[in-house]
C-alpha cells in the first residue's frame, strides 16, 4: 500500500507539471484551431532560463527562496515574450493560409528553438545546482517532500488563476467569444490579433513556469527535453477534450499518474507506449476526450 501511495504522490507532482503545459495547447487550439507543436520547446527554453538564473545567483550566494523566485519570474517573463514573438512572426501571418502552412511553420519554430539551445548550451545534459531541501514527511508509508507539496500547490494556483481569468474577466470573455466565432467577435469590436497574442502569452507563461519547476525538481535538462514533454502534454490536452481547460488540468494529472504507475509496476521503457495506447483507446471510444471538446465555449 505504501508503494501505491508513493506512486500517487510522484504521479500527481509530474502530472501537475504536464497540466500547465497542456493548458497552453488547449487554449491556443480553442481559439485559433492550431496545434502549437513548438509549445514543448517553450518549456525547454523556460528550463534553460531558470538554469542560467539559478547557477548565476547561487554563485553569488543569494538565499534559496530568492533564487527560486527569481528563476520562476525570469522563466515566465522570457517565455511569455517568446510566445508572443512566435505568434507574431510565425503564426499570425499565416492564419488565413492553409493548415499545412501553419503546421510546417510550427515545426520550423520547434526545430529552431532546439538547435538554438543545442548551440548555446551544448548537446549534453545541464544540471541545476542542488539547492532544494530534501526534508519530507510520511503519509501512509509514502514519503512526501515539502518541495513536492509546494510545487504542486503552485501549479494548482496557476491553473486556478488561469481558469478565473478566462471565466471572470472581460478579456477572458473576449477569448471565449473568439473561440466561438472569430468573424463575429471582430464585428463585436474585439481586437482579434491582440486576443490571440494574449492566449500565446498566457500559455507560454505557464509553460515557462513548468519548465523552471521541472528543472529544479528533476535537476537535469537538455535541448530535446521539450519533445517528450510536448507529446505527453498534447496527449493530456486531447485526452481531456481539446479546448477544454478543466479537462486539460485533470487529464494532465491523470497522465502523470499513469506514467508513475507504469514506471513503478511495469517498466519505464513501456511508459510512453502505455500513455499513447490509453490515448488511442479513449479516442476510439470517445473521440471528444474524457470531458468532451468545448463546442459552444471552447476556452
C-alpha atoms as a PDB file:
ATOM      1  CA  UNK A   1       0.000   0.000   0.000  1.00  0.00           C
ATOM      2  CA  UNK A   2       2.861   2.385   0.786  1.00  0.00           C
ATOM      3  CA  UNK A   3       4.324   1.837  -2.696  1.00  0.00           C
ATOM      4  CA  UNK A   4       0.947   2.634  -4.279  1.00  0.00           C
ATOM      5  CA  UNK A   5       0.658   5.878  -2.311  1.00  0.00           C
ATOM      6  CA  UNK A   6       4.224   6.804  -3.248  1.00  0.00           C
ATOM      7  CA  UNK A   7       3.419   6.360  -6.928  1.00  0.00           C
ATOM      8  CA  UNK A   8       0.325   8.534  -6.454  1.00  0.00           C
ATOM      9  CA  UNK A   9       2.397  11.314  -4.873  1.00  0.00           C
ATOM     10  CA  UNK A  10       5.039  11.159  -7.605  1.00  0.00           C
ATOM     11  CA  UNK A  11       2.403  10.955 -10.342  1.00  0.00           C
ATOM     12  CA  UNK A  12       0.461  13.961  -9.103  1.00  0.00           C
ATOM     13  CA  UNK A  13       3.664  16.009  -8.977  1.00  0.00           C
ATOM     14  CA  UNK A  14       4.730  15.180 -12.532  1.00  0.00           C
ATOM     15  CA  UNK A  15       1.120  15.421 -13.707  1.00  0.00           C
ATOM     16  CA  UNK A  16       0.808  18.959 -12.350  1.00  0.00           C
ATOM     17  CA  UNK A  17       3.821  19.983 -14.448  1.00  0.00           C
ATOM     18  CA  UNK A  18       2.200  18.418 -17.535  1.00  0.00           C
ATOM     19  CA  UNK A  19      -1.154  20.053 -16.832  1.00  0.00           C
ATOM     20  CA  UNK A  20       0.410  23.516 -17.020  1.00  0.00           C
ATOM     21  CA  UNK A  21       1.817  22.697 -20.448  1.00  0.00           C
ATOM     22  CA  UNK A  22      -1.409  21.055 -21.640  1.00  0.00           C
ATOM     23  CA  UNK A  23      -3.293  24.264 -20.863  1.00  0.00           C
ATOM     24  CA  UNK A  24      -1.211  26.094 -23.461  1.00  0.00           C
ATOM     25  CA  UNK A  25      -2.097  23.545 -26.129  1.00  0.00           C
ATOM     26  CA  UNK A  26      -5.790  23.580 -25.309  1.00  0.00           C
ATOM     27  CA  UNK A  27      -6.083  27.396 -25.103  1.00  0.00           C
ATOM     28  CA  UNK A  28      -4.412  28.029 -28.428  1.00  0.00           C
ATOM     29  CA  UNK A  29      -6.351  25.291 -30.189  1.00  0.00           C
ATOM     30  CA  UNK A  30      -9.596  26.509 -28.682  1.00  0.00           C
ATOM     31  CA  UNK A  31      -9.080  29.990 -30.092  1.00  0.00           C
ATOM     32  CA  UNK A  32      -7.422  29.528 -33.488  1.00  0.00           C
ATOM     33  CA  UNK A  33      -7.635  25.763 -34.159  1.00  0.00           C
ATOM     34  CA  UNK A  34      -3.852  25.484 -34.147  1.00  0.00           C
ATOM     35  CA  UNK A  35      -1.762  22.736 -32.570  1.00  0.00           C
ATOM     36  CA  UNK A  36       1.313  24.666 -31.480  1.00  0.00           C
ATOM     37  CA  UNK A  37       3.961  21.972 -31.891  1.00  0.00           C
ATOM     38  CA  UNK A  38       6.642  24.383 -30.659  1.00  0.00           C
ATOM     39  CA  UNK A  39       4.982  24.593 -27.240  1.00  0.00           C
ATOM     40  CA  UNK A  40       7.049  21.792 -25.716  1.00  0.00           C
ATOM     41  CA  UNK A  41      10.212  23.600 -26.734  1.00  0.00           C
ATOM     42  CA  UNK A  42       8.991  26.736 -24.965  1.00  0.00           C
ATOM     43  CA  UNK A  43       9.058  24.590 -21.814  1.00  0.00           C
ATOM     44  CA  UNK A  44      12.654  23.689 -22.637  1.00  0.00           C
ATOM     45  CA  UNK A  45      13.569  27.354 -23.052  1.00  0.00           C
ATOM     46  CA  UNK A  46      11.997  28.104 -19.675  1.00  0.00           C
ATOM     47  CA  UNK A  47      14.113  25.356 -18.103  1.00  0.00           C
ATOM     48  CA  UNK A  48      17.316  26.811 -19.519  1.00  0.00           C
ATOM     49  CA  UNK A  49      16.387  30.338 -18.460  1.00  0.00           C
ATOM     50  CA  UNK A  50      15.854  29.017 -14.943  1.00  0.00           C
ATOM     51  CA  UNK A  51      19.158  27.134 -15.141  1.00  0.00           C
ATOM     52  CA  UNK A  52      21.089  30.288 -16.042  1.00  0.00           C
ATOM     53  CA  UNK A  53      19.410  32.327 -13.297  1.00  0.00           C
ATOM     54  CA  UNK A  54      19.855  29.659 -10.619  1.00  0.00           C
ATOM     55  CA  UNK A  55      23.520  28.951 -11.386  1.00  0.00           C
ATOM     56  CA  UNK A  56      24.310  32.665 -11.532  1.00  0.00           C
ATOM     57  CA  UNK A  57      22.579  33.603  -8.280  1.00  0.00           C
ATOM     58  CA  UNK A  58      23.792  30.542  -6.365  1.00  0.00           C
ATOM     59  CA  UNK A  59      27.358  31.535  -7.238  1.00  0.00           C
ATOM     60  CA  UNK A  60      26.600  34.931  -5.685  1.00  0.00           C
ATOM     61  CA  UNK A  61      25.260  33.243  -2.524  1.00  0.00           C
ATOM     62  CA  UNK A  62      21.693  34.519  -2.767  1.00  0.00           C
ATOM     63  CA  UNK A  63      19.136  32.993  -0.362  1.00  0.00           C
ATOM     64  CA  UNK A  64      17.454  29.899  -1.793  1.00  0.00           C
ATOM     65  CA  UNK A  65      13.952  31.393  -1.688  1.00  0.00           C
ATOM     66  CA  UNK A  66      15.043  34.440  -3.682  1.00  0.00           C
ATOM     67  CA  UNK A  67      16.922  32.268  -6.177  1.00  0.00           C
ATOM     68  CA  UNK A  68      13.841  30.137  -6.851  1.00  0.00           C
ATOM     69  CA  UNK A  69      11.574  33.193  -7.066  1.00  0.00           C
ATOM     70  CA  UNK A  70      13.936  34.966  -9.471  1.00  0.00           C
ATOM     71  CA  UNK A  71      14.201  31.836 -11.629  1.00  0.00           C
ATOM     72  CA  UNK A  72      10.416  31.461 -11.825  1.00  0.00           C
ATOM     73  CA  UNK A  73       9.801  35.125 -12.625  1.00  0.00           C
ATOM     74  CA  UNK A  74      12.568  35.205 -15.237  1.00  0.00           C
ATOM     75  CA  UNK A  75      11.471  31.949 -16.861  1.00  0.00           C
ATOM     76  CA  UNK A  76       7.831  33.004 -17.027  1.00  0.00           C
ATOM     77  CA  UNK A  77       8.635  36.506 -18.308  1.00  0.00           C
ATOM     78  CA  UNK A  78      11.028  35.412 -21.046  1.00  0.00           C
ATOM     79  CA  UNK A  79       8.900  32.515 -22.262  1.00  0.00           C
ATOM     80  CA  UNK A  80       5.859  34.789 -22.254  1.00  0.00           C
ATOM     81  CA  UNK A  81       7.727  37.194 -24.515  1.00  0.00           C
ATOM     82  CA  UNK A  82       8.920  34.287 -26.652  1.00  0.00           C
ATOM     83  CA  UNK A  83       5.347  33.046 -27.054  1.00  0.00           C
ATOM     84  CA  UNK A  84       4.177  36.439 -28.269  1.00  0.00           C
ATOM     85  CA  UNK A  85       7.134  36.647 -30.673  1.00  0.00           C
ATOM     86  CA  UNK A  86       6.386  33.185 -32.073  1.00  0.00           C
ATOM     87  CA  UNK A  87       2.768  34.125 -32.641  1.00  0.00           C
ATOM     88  CA  UNK A  88       3.583  37.444 -34.287  1.00  0.00           C
ATOM     89  CA  UNK A  89       6.336  36.111 -36.566  1.00  0.00           C
ATOM     90  CA  UNK A  90       5.382  32.513 -37.345  1.00  0.00           C
ATOM     91  CA  UNK A  91       1.622  32.121 -36.910  1.00  0.00           C
ATOM     92  CA  UNK A  92      -0.417  35.307 -37.327  1.00  0.00           C
ATOM     93  CA  UNK A  93       0.818  35.994 -40.904  1.00  0.00           C
ATOM     94  CA  UNK A  94      -0.404  32.502 -41.838  1.00  0.00           C
ATOM     95  CA  UNK A  95      -3.812  32.432 -40.125  1.00  0.00           C
ATOM     96  CA  UNK A  96      -5.617  32.808 -43.449  1.00  0.00           C
ATOM     97  CA  UNK A  97      -3.350  30.274 -45.164  1.00  0.00           C
ATOM     98  CA  UNK A  98      -3.766  26.509 -45.279  1.00  0.00           C
ATOM     99  CA  UNK A  99      -3.482  24.441 -42.101  1.00  0.00           C
ATOM    100  CA  UNK A 100      -0.466  22.707 -43.649  1.00  0.00           C
ATOM    101  CA  UNK A 101       1.431  26.009 -43.911  1.00  0.00           C
ATOM    102  CA  UNK A 102       0.877  26.750 -40.222  1.00  0.00           C
ATOM    103  CA  UNK A 103       1.856  23.191 -39.273  1.00  0.00           C
ATOM    104  CA  UNK A 104       5.127  23.481 -41.195  1.00  0.00           C
ATOM    105  CA  UNK A 105       5.786  26.856 -39.570  1.00  0.00           C
ATOM    106  CA  UNK A 106       5.192  25.340 -36.105  1.00  0.00           C
ATOM    107  CA  UNK A 107       7.616  22.510 -36.806  1.00  0.00           C
ATOM    108  CA  UNK A 108      10.172  25.030 -38.082  1.00  0.00           C
ATOM    109  CA  UNK A 109       9.913  27.072 -34.870  1.00  0.00           C
ATOM    110  CA  UNK A 110      10.331  23.892 -32.819  1.00  0.00           C
ATOM    111  CA  UNK A 111      13.500  22.894 -34.670  1.00  0.00           C
ATOM    112  CA  UNK A 112      14.881  26.443 -34.463  1.00  0.00           C
ATOM    113  CA  UNK A 113      14.435  26.536 -30.678  1.00  0.00           C
ATOM    114  CA  UNK A 114      16.006  23.106 -30.232  1.00  0.00           C
ATOM    115  CA  UNK A 115      19.011  23.896 -32.404  1.00  0.00           C
ATOM    116  CA  UNK A 116      19.452  27.279 -30.755  1.00  0.00           C
ATOM    117  CA  UNK A 117      19.546  25.639 -27.326  1.00  0.00           C
ATOM    118  CA  UNK A 118      21.980  22.988 -28.587  1.00  0.00           C
ATOM    119  CA  UNK A 119      24.362  25.605 -29.952  1.00  0.00           C
ATOM    120  CA  UNK A 120      24.241  27.733 -26.797  1.00  0.00           C
ATOM    121  CA  UNK A 121      24.224  25.047 -24.091  1.00  0.00           C
ATOM    122  CA  UNK A 122      25.614  22.011 -25.891  1.00  0.00           C
ATOM    123  CA  UNK A 123      24.123  18.616 -26.717  1.00  0.00           C
ATOM    124  CA  UNK A 124      24.761  17.082 -23.283  1.00  0.00           C
ATOM    125  CA  UNK A 125      22.786  17.440 -20.071  1.00  0.00           C
ATOM    126  CA  UNK A 126      22.919  20.560 -17.935  1.00  0.00           C
ATOM    127  CA  UNK A 127      22.367  20.129 -14.193  1.00  0.00           C
ATOM    128  CA  UNK A 128      20.669  22.556 -11.849  1.00  0.00           C
ATOM    129  CA  UNK A 129      22.520  23.170  -8.568  1.00  0.00           C
ATOM    130  CA  UNK A 130      21.019  21.043  -5.804  1.00  0.00           C
ATOM    131  CA  UNK A 131      19.579  23.845  -3.684  1.00  0.00           C
ATOM    132  CA  UNK A 132      16.187  22.466  -2.643  1.00  0.00           C
ATOM    133  CA  UNK A 133      15.651  20.869   0.730  1.00  0.00           C
ATOM    134  CA  UNK A 134      15.186  17.086   0.893  1.00  0.00           C
ATOM    135  CA  UNK A 135      13.012  17.364   4.013  1.00  0.00           C
ATOM    136  CA  UNK A 136       9.846  15.253   3.871  1.00  0.00           C
ATOM    137  CA  UNK A 137       7.073  13.757   5.942  1.00  0.00           C
ATOM    138  CA  UNK A 138       5.331  10.393   5.776  1.00  0.00           C
ATOM    139  CA  UNK A 139       1.685   9.739   4.910  1.00  0.00           C
ATOM    140  CA  UNK A 140       0.543   6.117   4.932  1.00  0.00           C
ATOM    141  CA  UNK A 141       4.100   4.947   4.346  1.00  0.00           C
ATOM    142  CA  UNK A 142       4.650   7.302   1.383  1.00  0.00           C
ATOM    143  CA  UNK A 143       7.305   9.993   1.598  1.00  0.00           C
ATOM    144  CA  UNK A 144       6.069  13.444   0.581  1.00  0.00           C
ATOM    145  CA  UNK A 145       8.731  16.114   0.300  1.00  0.00           C
ATOM    146  CA  UNK A 146       7.934  19.705   1.123  1.00  0.00           C
ATOM    147  CA  UNK A 147       9.276  20.603  -2.316  1.00  0.00           C
ATOM    148  CA  UNK A 148       6.655  18.359  -3.949  1.00  0.00           C
ATOM    149  CA  UNK A 149       3.935  19.903  -1.831  1.00  0.00           C
ATOM    150  CA  UNK A 150       4.963  23.473  -2.635  1.00  0.00           C
ATOM    151  CA  UNK A 151       5.356  22.825  -6.367  1.00  0.00           C
ATOM    152  CA  UNK A 152       2.043  21.001  -6.599  1.00  0.00           C
ATOM    153  CA  UNK A 153       0.325  23.849  -4.750  1.00  0.00           C
ATOM    154  CA  UNK A 154       1.943  26.439  -7.026  1.00  0.00           C
ATOM    155  CA  UNK A 155       0.786  24.528 -10.118  1.00  0.00           C
ATOM    156  CA  UNK A 156      -2.756  24.431  -8.757  1.00  0.00           C
ATOM    157  CA  UNK A 157      -2.681  28.169  -8.050  1.00  0.00           C
ATOM    158  CA  UNK A 158      -1.520  28.920 -11.595  1.00  0.00           C
ATOM    159  CA  UNK A 159      -4.218  26.682 -13.062  1.00  0.00           C
ATOM    160  CA  UNK A 160      -6.903  28.228 -10.875  1.00  0.00           C
ATOM    161  CA  UNK A 161      -5.671  31.712 -11.793  1.00  0.00           C
ATOM    162  CA  UNK A 162      -5.960  30.916 -15.500  1.00  0.00           C
ATOM    163  CA  UNK A 163      -9.444  29.456 -15.069  1.00  0.00           C
ATOM    164  CA  UNK A 164     -10.675  32.507 -13.154  1.00  0.00           C
ATOM    165  CA  UNK A 165      -9.077  34.861 -15.680  1.00  0.00           C
ATOM    166  CA  UNK A 166     -10.754  33.160 -18.623  1.00  0.00           C
ATOM    167  CA  UNK A 167     -14.170  32.921 -16.958  1.00  0.00           C
ATOM    168  CA  UNK A 168     -14.350  36.026 -14.746  1.00  0.00           C
ATOM    169  CA  UNK A 169     -12.746  38.867 -16.722  1.00  0.00           C
ATOM    170  CA  UNK A 170     -13.763  40.889 -19.776  1.00  0.00           C
ATOM    171  CA  UNK A 171     -10.620  39.790 -21.602  1.00  0.00           C
ATOM    172  CA  UNK A 172     -11.421  36.178 -20.833  1.00  0.00           C
ATOM    173  CA  UNK A 173     -14.915  36.717 -22.220  1.00  0.00           C
ATOM    174  CA  UNK A 174     -13.344  38.077 -25.401  1.00  0.00           C
ATOM    175  CA  UNK A 175     -11.199  34.949 -25.656  1.00  0.00           C
ATOM    176  CA  UNK A 176     -14.245  32.708 -25.285  1.00  0.00           C
ATOM    177  CA  UNK A 177     -16.147  34.749 -27.879  1.00  0.00           C
ATOM    178  CA  UNK A 178     -13.233  34.439 -30.286  1.00  0.00           C
ATOM    179  CA  UNK A 179     -13.213  30.669 -29.746  1.00  0.00           C
ATOM    180  CA  UNK A 180     -16.863  30.527 -30.780  1.00  0.00           C
ATOM    181  CA  UNK A 181     -16.668  32.651 -33.944  1.00  0.00           C
ATOM    182  CA  UNK A 182     -13.696  34.779 -34.991  1.00  0.00           C
ATOM    183  CA  UNK A 183     -15.586  36.891 -37.545  1.00  0.00           C
ATOM    184  CA  UNK A 184     -18.481  37.598 -35.194  1.00  0.00           C
ATOM    185  CA  UNK A 185     -16.039  38.528 -32.425  1.00  0.00           C
ATOM    186  CA  UNK A 186     -14.328  41.005 -34.761  1.00  0.00           C
ATOM    187  CA  UNK A 187     -17.694  42.556 -35.660  1.00  0.00           C
ATOM    188  CA  UNK A 188     -18.445  42.982 -31.956  1.00  0.00           C
ATOM    189  CA  UNK A 189     -15.322  45.133 -31.589  1.00  0.00           C
ATOM    190  CA  UNK A 190     -12.947  42.530 -30.159  1.00  0.00           C
ATOM    191  CA  UNK A 191      -9.324  43.023 -31.143  1.00  0.00           C
ATOM    192  CA  UNK A 192      -8.709  39.548 -32.562  1.00  0.00           C
ATOM    193  CA  UNK A 193      -4.945  39.845 -33.050  1.00  0.00           C
ATOM    194  CA  UNK A 194      -4.373  41.163 -29.528  1.00  0.00           C
ATOM    195  CA  UNK A 195      -6.544  38.424 -28.025  1.00  0.00           C
ATOM    196  CA  UNK A 196      -4.649  35.704 -29.882  1.00  0.00           C
ATOM    197  CA  UNK A 197      -1.331  37.136 -28.725  1.00  0.00           C
ATOM    198  CA  UNK A 198      -2.656  37.141 -25.160  1.00  0.00           C
ATOM    199  CA  UNK A 199      -3.503  33.438 -25.480  1.00  0.00           C
ATOM    200  CA  UNK A 200       0.060  32.725 -26.591  1.00  0.00           C
ATOM    201  CA  UNK A 201       1.387  34.868 -23.749  1.00  0.00           C
ATOM    202  CA  UNK A 202      -0.627  33.060 -21.076  1.00  0.00           C
ATOM    203  CA  UNK A 203       0.120  29.602 -22.456  1.00  0.00           C
ATOM    204  CA  UNK A 204       3.839  30.354 -22.712  1.00  0.00           C
ATOM    205  CA  UNK A 205       3.981  31.828 -19.201  1.00  0.00           C
ATOM    206  CA  UNK A 206       2.541  28.608 -17.810  1.00  0.00           C
ATOM    207  CA  UNK A 207       4.963  26.574 -19.933  1.00  0.00           C
ATOM    208  CA  UNK A 208       7.872  28.629 -18.598  1.00  0.00           C
ATOM    209  CA  UNK A 209       6.765  28.061 -15.005  1.00  0.00           C
ATOM    210  CA  UNK A 210       6.522  24.333 -15.683  1.00  0.00           C
ATOM    211  CA  UNK A 211       9.968  24.305 -17.280  1.00  0.00           C
ATOM    212  CA  UNK A 212      11.647  26.011 -14.333  1.00  0.00           C
ATOM    213  CA  UNK A 213       9.915  23.782 -11.793  1.00  0.00           C
ATOM    214  CA  UNK A 214      10.822  20.644 -13.730  1.00  0.00           C
ATOM    215  CA  UNK A 215      14.436  21.775 -13.874  1.00  0.00           C
ATOM    216  CA  UNK A 216      14.504  22.381 -10.132  1.00  0.00           C
ATOM    217  CA  UNK A 217      12.709  19.115  -9.388  1.00  0.00           C
ATOM    218  CA  UNK A 218      14.434  16.702 -11.806  1.00  0.00           C
ATOM    219  CA  UNK A 219      17.750  18.623 -11.900  1.00  0.00           C
ATOM    220  CA  UNK A 220      18.885  17.528 -15.379  1.00  0.00           C
ATOM    221  CA  UNK A 221      17.733  19.227 -18.584  1.00  0.00           C
ATOM    222  CA  UNK A 222      18.788  19.124 -22.240  1.00  0.00           C
ATOM    223  CA  UNK A 223      17.877  20.672 -25.558  1.00  0.00           C
ATOM    224  CA  UNK A 224      15.469  17.927 -26.697  1.00  0.00           C
ATOM    225  CA  UNK A 225      13.544  17.575 -23.432  1.00  0.00           C
ATOM    226  CA  UNK A 226      10.671  19.614 -24.859  1.00  0.00           C
ATOM    227  CA  UNK A 227       9.846  16.947 -27.448  1.00  0.00           C
ATOM    228  CA  UNK A 228       8.694  14.292 -24.981  1.00  0.00           C
ATOM    229  CA  UNK A 229       7.149  16.823 -22.592  1.00  0.00           C
ATOM    230  CA  UNK A 230       5.225  18.308 -25.502  1.00  0.00           C
ATOM    231  CA  UNK A 231       3.945  14.920 -26.638  1.00  0.00           C
ATOM    232  CA  UNK A 232       2.749  13.970 -23.167  1.00  0.00           C
ATOM    233  CA  UNK A 233       1.136  17.366 -22.602  1.00  0.00           C
ATOM    234  CA  UNK A 234      -0.534  17.236 -26.016  1.00  0.00           C
ATOM    235  CA  UNK A 235      -1.832  13.777 -25.100  1.00  0.00           C
ATOM    236  CA  UNK A 236      -3.270  15.266 -21.903  1.00  0.00           C
ATOM    237  CA  UNK A 237      -4.930  18.100 -23.866  1.00  0.00           C
ATOM    238  CA  UNK A 238      -6.563  15.645 -26.281  1.00  0.00           C
ATOM    239  CA  UNK A 239      -7.452  13.204 -23.512  1.00  0.00           C
ATOM    240  CA  UNK A 240      -9.206  15.921 -21.529  1.00  0.00           C
ATOM    241  CA  UNK A 241     -11.061  17.236 -24.576  1.00  0.00           C
ATOM    242  CA  UNK A 242      -9.094  19.640 -26.743  1.00  0.00           C
ATOM    243  CA  UNK A 243     -10.148  23.203 -25.956  1.00  0.00           C
ATOM    244  CA  UNK A 244     -11.471  22.204 -22.520  1.00  0.00           C
ATOM    245  CA  UNK A 245      -9.461  23.953 -19.787  1.00  0.00           C
ATOM    246  CA  UNK A 246     -10.698  21.928 -16.772  1.00  0.00           C
ATOM    247  CA  UNK A 247     -10.300  18.782 -18.880  1.00  0.00           C
ATOM    248  CA  UNK A 248      -6.656  19.602 -19.611  1.00  0.00           C
ATOM    249  CA  UNK A 249      -5.984  20.121 -15.903  1.00  0.00           C
ATOM    250  CA  UNK A 250      -7.498  16.785 -14.856  1.00  0.00           C
ATOM    251  CA  UNK A 251      -6.043  14.869 -17.809  1.00  0.00           C
ATOM    252  CA  UNK A 252      -2.560  16.233 -17.074  1.00  0.00           C
ATOM    253  CA  UNK A 253      -2.765  14.811 -13.555  1.00  0.00           C
ATOM    254  CA  UNK A 254      -4.125  11.545 -14.966  1.00  0.00           C
ATOM    255  CA  UNK A 255      -1.251  11.205 -17.439  1.00  0.00           C
ATOM    256  CA  UNK A 256       1.184  11.822 -14.580  1.00  0.00           C
ATOM    257  CA  UNK A 257      -0.450   9.035 -12.539  1.00  0.00           C
ATOM    258  CA  UNK A 258      -0.422   6.615 -15.485  1.00  0.00           C
ATOM    259  CA  UNK A 259       3.275   7.339 -16.043  1.00  0.00           C
ATOM    260  CA  UNK A 260       4.106   6.881 -12.374  1.00  0.00           C
ATOM    261  CA  UNK A 261       2.229   3.565 -12.069  1.00  0.00           C
ATOM    262  CA  UNK A 262       3.834   2.316 -15.281  1.00  0.00           C
ATOM    263  CA  UNK A 263       7.314   3.249 -14.041  1.00  0.00           C
ATOM    264  CA  UNK A 264       6.682   1.531 -10.727  1.00  0.00           C
ATOM    265  CA  UNK A 265       4.697  -1.582 -11.614  1.00  0.00           C
ATOM    266  CA  UNK A 266       5.815  -2.329 -15.181  1.00  0.00           C
ATOM    267  CA  UNK A 267       8.886  -0.551 -16.594  1.00  0.00           C
ATOM    268  CA  UNK A 268       9.818   2.990 -17.530  1.00  0.00           C
ATOM    269  CA  UNK A 269      10.650   1.687 -21.017  1.00  0.00           C
ATOM    270  CA  UNK A 270       6.944   0.978 -21.567  1.00  0.00           C
ATOM    271  CA  UNK A 271       5.575   4.170 -20.044  1.00  0.00           C
ATOM    272  CA  UNK A 272       5.222   6.261 -23.195  1.00  0.00           C
ATOM    273  CA  UNK A 273       3.773   3.330 -25.150  1.00  0.00           C
ATOM    274  CA  UNK A 274       1.167   2.806 -22.426  1.00  0.00           C
ATOM    275  CA  UNK A 275       0.274   6.508 -22.279  1.00  0.00           C
ATOM    276  CA  UNK A 276      -0.281   6.714 -26.028  1.00  0.00           C
ATOM    277  CA  UNK A 277      -2.172   3.403 -26.030  1.00  0.00           C
ATOM    278  CA  UNK A 278      -4.544   4.845 -23.430  1.00  0.00           C
ATOM    279  CA  UNK A 279      -4.972   7.934 -25.602  1.00  0.00           C
ATOM    280  CA  UNK A 280      -5.789   5.839 -28.680  1.00  0.00           C
ATOM    281  CA  UNK A 281      -8.265   3.767 -26.700  1.00  0.00           C
ATOM    282  CA  UNK A 282     -10.063   6.836 -25.393  1.00  0.00           C
ATOM    283  CA  UNK A 283     -10.230   8.431 -28.840  1.00  0.00           C
ATOM    284  CA  UNK A 284     -11.625   5.256 -30.361  1.00  0.00           C
ATOM    285  CA  UNK A 285     -14.351   5.054 -27.713  1.00  0.00           C
ATOM    286  CA  UNK A 286     -14.918   8.797 -27.145  1.00  0.00           C
ATOM    287  CA  UNK A 287     -13.241  10.966 -29.820  1.00  0.00           C
ATOM    288  CA  UNK A 288     -14.003  14.216 -27.973  1.00  0.00           C
ATOM    289  CA  UNK A 289     -11.903  13.095 -24.997  1.00  0.00           C
ATOM    290  CA  UNK A 290     -12.884  12.196 -21.470  1.00  0.00           C
ATOM    291  CA  UNK A 291     -14.558  15.523 -20.712  1.00  0.00           C
ATOM    292  CA  UNK A 292     -15.683  16.482 -24.208  1.00  0.00           C
ATOM    293  CA  UNK A 293     -14.430  19.219 -26.520  1.00  0.00           C
ATOM    294  CA  UNK A 294     -15.919  22.624 -25.870  1.00  0.00           C
ATOM    295  CA  UNK A 295     -18.366  23.329 -28.676  1.00  0.00           C
ATOM    296  CA  UNK A 296     -20.258  26.418 -27.629  1.00  0.00           C
ATOM    297  CA  UNK A 297     -17.474  27.525 -25.293  1.00  0.00           C
ATOM    298  CA  UNK A 298     -14.035  26.169 -26.165  1.00  0.00           C
ATOM    299  CA  UNK A 299     -11.912  28.178 -23.767  1.00  0.00           C
END
